[in-house]
Amino acid sequence: MSIISDIRRRLVVAFAGCALLLGCGITEAPGGAASPRAAVDAYVTGLNQHDAQRLALLAPIGNDPAADIQRRLETHGGRQIRLENVDISSEISPKMATARLVGRGISGQYQETLVLTRQDQRWYVALGAHPHPAKTPASTARPSG
């Protein structure tokens, strides 16, 4: 084997390794979705496939979505929902949107309203609750004294 053949072989292996790593990086999608509609579509796909892990990727960062996802899967999971109308409104804030979903599944009519939030350029479905809220609600009790 000549030195040039050995160098070529090493370069081919190195380029193949880099291409594999880059390809893996491209297919590894972060949580959330690129747009509100993409978040809605991913949510319905997760319901249809009864896929709790897929739905968990749509939960906002820091939320504990397990119980909420379980409840939603019990209600709508595996029903082969086909959306007929999706109305997405972001009147409140550019970082929040409401999605009203209407469709049909194997169990009949499907309707649901989702709250979507934007974090780090990604859209999430408000699943679960944040275990440590940043602010505590103001008290409405009168001071004693």
Protein backbone atom coordinates (compact mmCIF):
# COMPACT_ATOMS: atom_id res chain seq x y z
CA MET A 1 0.00 0.00 0.00
CA SER A 2 1.49 3.34 -0.97
CA ILE A 3 1.64 6.40 1.25
CA ILE A 4 -0.77 8.27 -1.05
CA SER A 5 -3.33 5.43 -0.85
CA ASP A 6 -3.02 5.43 2.93
CA ILE A 7 -3.55 9.21 3.08
CA ARG A 8 -6.58 8.95 0.77
CA ARG A 9 -8.07 6.19 2.91
CA ARG A 10 -7.60 8.26 6.07
CA LEU A 11 -9.13 11.33 4.44
CA VAL A 12 -12.13 9.34 3.24
CA VAL A 13 -12.63 7.91 6.74
CA ALA A 14 -12.25 11.37 8.31
CA PHE A 15 -14.73 12.98 5.89
CA ALA A 16 -17.20 10.14 6.36
CA GLY A 17 -16.95 10.55 10.13
CA CYS A 18 -17.53 14.31 9.89
CA ALA A 19 -20.48 13.81 7.55
CA LEU A 20 -21.98 11.28 9.95
CA LEU A 21 -21.59 13.63 12.91
CA LEU A 22 -23.06 16.56 10.99
CA GLY A 23 -25.93 14.42 9.77
CA CYS A 24 -26.71 13.31 13.31
CA GLY A 25 -26.65 16.92 14.47
CA ILE A 26 -29.10 17.97 11.78
CA THR A 27 -31.58 15.19 12.52
CA GLU A 28 -31.44 15.75 16.27
CA ALA A 29 -34.28 18.21 16.68
CA PRO A 30 -34.48 20.31 19.84
CA GLY A 31 -37.67 20.43 21.83
CA GLY A 32 -40.55 22.55 20.68
CA ALA A 33 -41.26 23.41 17.07
CA ALA A 34 -40.20 26.04 14.55
CA SER A 35 -43.66 27.64 14.30
CA PRO A 36 -46.99 27.60 16.13
CA ARG A 37 -48.55 25.48 13.36
CA ALA A 38 -45.65 23.02 13.50
CA ALA A 39 -46.19 22.72 17.28
CA VAL A 40 -49.90 22.00 16.71
CA ASP A 41 -49.12 19.38 14.05
CA ALA A 42 -46.50 17.70 16.28
CA TYR A 43 -48.98 17.70 19.18
CA VAL A 44 -51.70 15.99 17.13
CA THR A 45 -49.17 13.49 15.78
CA GLY A 46 -48.12 12.71 19.35
CA LEU A 47 -51.76 12.17 20.33
CA ASN A 48 -52.47 9.98 17.31
CA GLN A 49 -49.38 7.84 17.96
CA HIS A 50 -50.13 7.76 21.71
CA ASP A 51 -46.52 8.93 22.16
CA ALA A 52 -45.86 10.52 25.56
CA GLN A 53 -42.19 11.14 24.74
CA ARG A 54 -43.05 13.07 21.58
CA LEU A 55 -45.52 15.18 23.55
CA ALA A 56 -42.98 15.78 26.33
CA LEU A 57 -40.64 17.38 23.76
CA LEU A 58 -43.36 19.96 23.15
CA ALA A 59 -43.62 20.99 26.82
CA PRO A 60 -41.99 24.30 27.76
CA ILE A 61 -38.50 24.03 29.22
CA GLY A 62 -38.69 23.47 32.96
CA ASN A 63 -42.29 22.23 33.05
CA ASP A 64 -43.28 18.88 34.54
CA PRO A 65 -45.72 17.64 31.88
CA ALA A 66 -46.12 13.94 32.83
CA ALA A 67 -49.57 14.08 34.49
CA ASP A 68 -50.97 16.51 31.91
CA ILE A 69 -49.71 14.37 29.03
CA GLN A 70 -51.20 11.23 30.60
CA ARG A 71 -54.57 12.98 30.97
CA ARG A 72 -54.52 14.20 27.36
CA LEU A 73 -53.53 10.76 26.04
CA GLU A 74 -56.39 9.16 27.99
CA THR A 75 -58.80 11.68 26.47
CA HIS A 76 -57.52 11.96 22.88
CA GLY A 77 -54.68 9.46 22.41
CA GLY A 78 -54.74 7.01 19.51
CA ARG A 79 -57.92 8.48 18.01
CA GLN A 80 -56.47 9.21 14.54
CA ILE A 81 -57.46 12.87 14.68
CA ARG A 82 -57.62 14.70 11.36
CA LEU A 83 -57.70 18.46 11.76
CA GLU A 84 -60.34 20.30 9.76
CA ASN A 85 -59.65 23.78 11.13
CA VAL A 86 -56.80 25.36 13.06
CA ASP A 87 -57.17 28.97 14.21
CA ILE A 88 -53.97 30.37 15.70
CA SER A 89 -54.14 33.78 17.36
CA SER A 90 -51.25 35.67 18.94
CA GLU A 91 -53.09 38.78 20.06
CA ILE A 92 -51.81 38.68 23.64
CA SER A 93 -48.07 38.74 23.00
CA PRO A 94 -45.57 37.73 20.31
CA LYS A 95 -44.38 35.03 22.74
CA MET A 96 -47.83 33.51 23.30
CA ALA A 97 -50.50 32.16 21.01
CA THR A 98 -53.79 30.35 21.31
CA ALA A 99 -54.61 27.53 18.90
CA ARG A 100 -58.21 26.40 18.49
CA LEU A 101 -58.30 22.94 16.93
CA VAL A 102 -61.33 21.34 15.30
CA GLY A 103 -61.32 17.97 13.62
CA ARG A 104 -62.58 14.42 13.58
CA GLY A 105 -61.20 11.15 14.85
CA ILE A 106 -62.34 7.57 15.15
CA SER A 107 -64.38 8.56 18.20
CA GLY A 108 -66.11 11.47 16.46
CA GLN A 109 -65.72 15.23 16.81
CA TYR A 110 -62.47 16.62 18.26
CA GLN A 111 -62.12 20.13 19.69
CA GLU A 112 -59.32 21.47 21.83
CA THR A 113 -57.74 24.82 22.62
CA LEU A 114 -53.99 24.92 23.19
CA VAL A 115 -51.84 27.65 24.67
CA LEU A 116 -48.52 27.98 22.85
CA THR A 117 -45.45 29.74 24.23
CA ARG A 118 -42.24 30.83 22.54
CA GLN A 119 -38.87 30.25 24.21
CA ASP A 120 -35.48 30.59 22.53
CA GLN A 121 -36.97 30.88 19.02
CA ARG A 122 -38.99 27.63 19.49
CA TRP A 123 -42.74 27.14 20.05
CA TYR A 124 -44.03 24.91 22.85
CA VAL A 125 -47.45 23.61 23.87
CA ALA A 126 -48.31 24.57 27.46
CA LEU A 127 -48.22 21.06 28.93
CA GLY A 128 -47.86 20.63 32.67
CA ALA A 129 -46.79 23.33 35.07
CA HIS A 130 -43.47 24.84 36.01
CA PRO A 131 -42.56 23.34 39.41
CA HIS A 132 -40.98 26.58 40.66
CA PRO A 133 -42.91 29.61 39.44
CA ALA A 134 -40.79 32.72 39.06
CA LYS A 135 -43.31 34.91 40.87
CA THR A 136 -45.72 34.19 43.68
CA PRO A 137 -49.25 35.49 43.23
CA ALA A 138 -50.28 38.54 45.20
CA SER A 139 -52.38 37.86 48.26
CA THR A 140 -55.97 39.05 48.32
CA ALA A 141 -56.30 38.61 52.08
CA ARG A 142 -56.61 41.67 54.28
CA PRO A 143 -53.73 42.28 56.64
CA SER A 144 -54.49 41.23 60.19
CA GLY A 145 -53.94 43.62 62.97
